[in-house]
Amino acid sequence: MDLASILYLGVTFGLFVVFALIVLRTYSKKRRKEGEIAKYRMLEDDD
């Protein structure tokens, strides 16, 4: 493989890792309560 292919694979893999970290952080059990607070706050604002 040439250098361009290696860089392309590296960037693609790096973006996949960043995406996976965002998903894991968003759906972790520790942060679930923190994410639900905003939802209930928006529902209270509608009243």
C-alpha atoms as a PDB file:
ATOM      1  CA  MET A   1       0.000   0.000   0.000  1.00  0.00           C
ATOM      2  CA  ASP A   2       1.155   3.490  -0.658  1.00  0.00           C
ATOM      3  CA  LEU A   3       1.197   6.366   1.811  1.00  0.00           C
ATOM      4  CA  ALA A   4      -2.144   7.817   0.671  1.00  0.00           C
ATOM      5  CA  SER A   5      -3.942   4.522   1.327  1.00  0.00           C
ATOM      6  CA  ILE A   6      -2.419   4.213   4.782  1.00  0.00           C
ATOM      7  CA  LEU A   7      -3.418   7.784   5.635  1.00  0.00           C
ATOM      8  CA  TYR A   8      -6.943   7.206   4.349  1.00  0.00           C
ATOM      9  CA  LEU A   9      -7.332   4.071   6.459  1.00  0.00           C
ATOM     10  CA  GLY A  10      -5.888   5.855   9.484  1.00  0.00           C
ATOM     11  CA  VAL A  11      -8.269   8.787   9.199  1.00  0.00           C
ATOM     12  CA  THR A  12     -11.244   6.472   8.611  1.00  0.00           C
ATOM     13  CA  PHE A  13     -10.355   4.328  11.617  1.00  0.00           C
ATOM     14  CA  GLY A  14      -9.785   7.449  13.734  1.00  0.00           C
ATOM     15  CA  LEU A  15     -13.212   8.850  12.861  1.00  0.00           C
ATOM     16  CA  PHE A  16     -14.803   5.501  13.689  1.00  0.00           C
ATOM     17  CA  VAL A  17     -13.113   5.489  17.103  1.00  0.00           C
ATOM     18  CA  VAL A  18     -14.324   9.041  17.810  1.00  0.00           C
ATOM     19  CA  PHE A  19     -17.870   8.070  16.800  1.00  0.00           C
ATOM     20  CA  ALA A  20     -17.772   4.972  19.024  1.00  0.00           C
ATOM     21  CA  LEU A  21     -16.556   7.044  21.986  1.00  0.00           C
ATOM     22  CA  ILE A  22     -19.367   9.569  21.497  1.00  0.00           C
ATOM     23  CA  VAL A  23     -21.958   6.778  21.380  1.00  0.00           C
ATOM     24  CA  LEU A  24     -20.525   5.066  24.476  1.00  0.00           C
ATOM     25  CA  ARG A  25     -20.449   8.345  26.415  1.00  0.00           C
ATOM     26  CA  THR A  26     -23.977   9.264  25.367  1.00  0.00           C
ATOM     27  CA  TYR A  27     -25.543   5.940  26.298  1.00  0.00           C
ATOM     28  CA  SER A  28     -23.519   5.126  29.428  1.00  0.00           C
ATOM     29  CA  LYS A  29     -25.553   4.363  32.537  1.00  0.00           C
ATOM     30  CA  LYS A  30     -23.722   7.024  34.546  1.00  0.00           C
ATOM     31  CA  ARG A  31     -24.855   9.811  32.197  1.00  0.00           C
ATOM     32  CA  ARG A  32     -28.370   8.542  31.518  1.00  0.00           C
ATOM     33  CA  LYS A  33     -29.838  10.511  34.424  1.00  0.00           C
ATOM     34  CA  GLU A  34     -28.036  13.649  33.286  1.00  0.00           C
ATOM     35  CA  GLY A  35     -29.493  13.284  29.786  1.00  0.00           C
ATOM     36  CA  GLU A  36     -33.008  12.711  31.072  1.00  0.00           C
ATOM     37  CA  ILE A  37     -32.968  15.964  33.060  1.00  0.00           C
ATOM     38  CA  ALA A  38     -32.956  18.061  29.883  1.00  0.00           C
ATOM     39  CA  LYS A  39     -35.894  16.100  28.456  1.00  0.00           C
ATOM     40  CA  TYR A  40     -38.024  16.646  31.520  1.00  0.00           C
ATOM     41  CA  ARG A  41     -37.034  20.317  31.654  1.00  0.00           C
ATOM     42  CA  MET A  42     -38.285  20.773  28.083  1.00  0.00           C
ATOM     43  CA  LEU A  43     -41.549  19.032  28.959  1.00  0.00           C
ATOM     44  CA  GLU A  44     -42.042  21.327  31.959  1.00  0.00           C
ATOM     45  CA  ASP A  45     -41.476  24.390  29.759  1.00  0.00           C
ATOM     46  CA  ASP A  46     -44.423  23.354  27.567  1.00  0.00           C
ATOM     47  CA  ASP A  47     -46.894  23.701  30.462  1.00  0.00           C
END
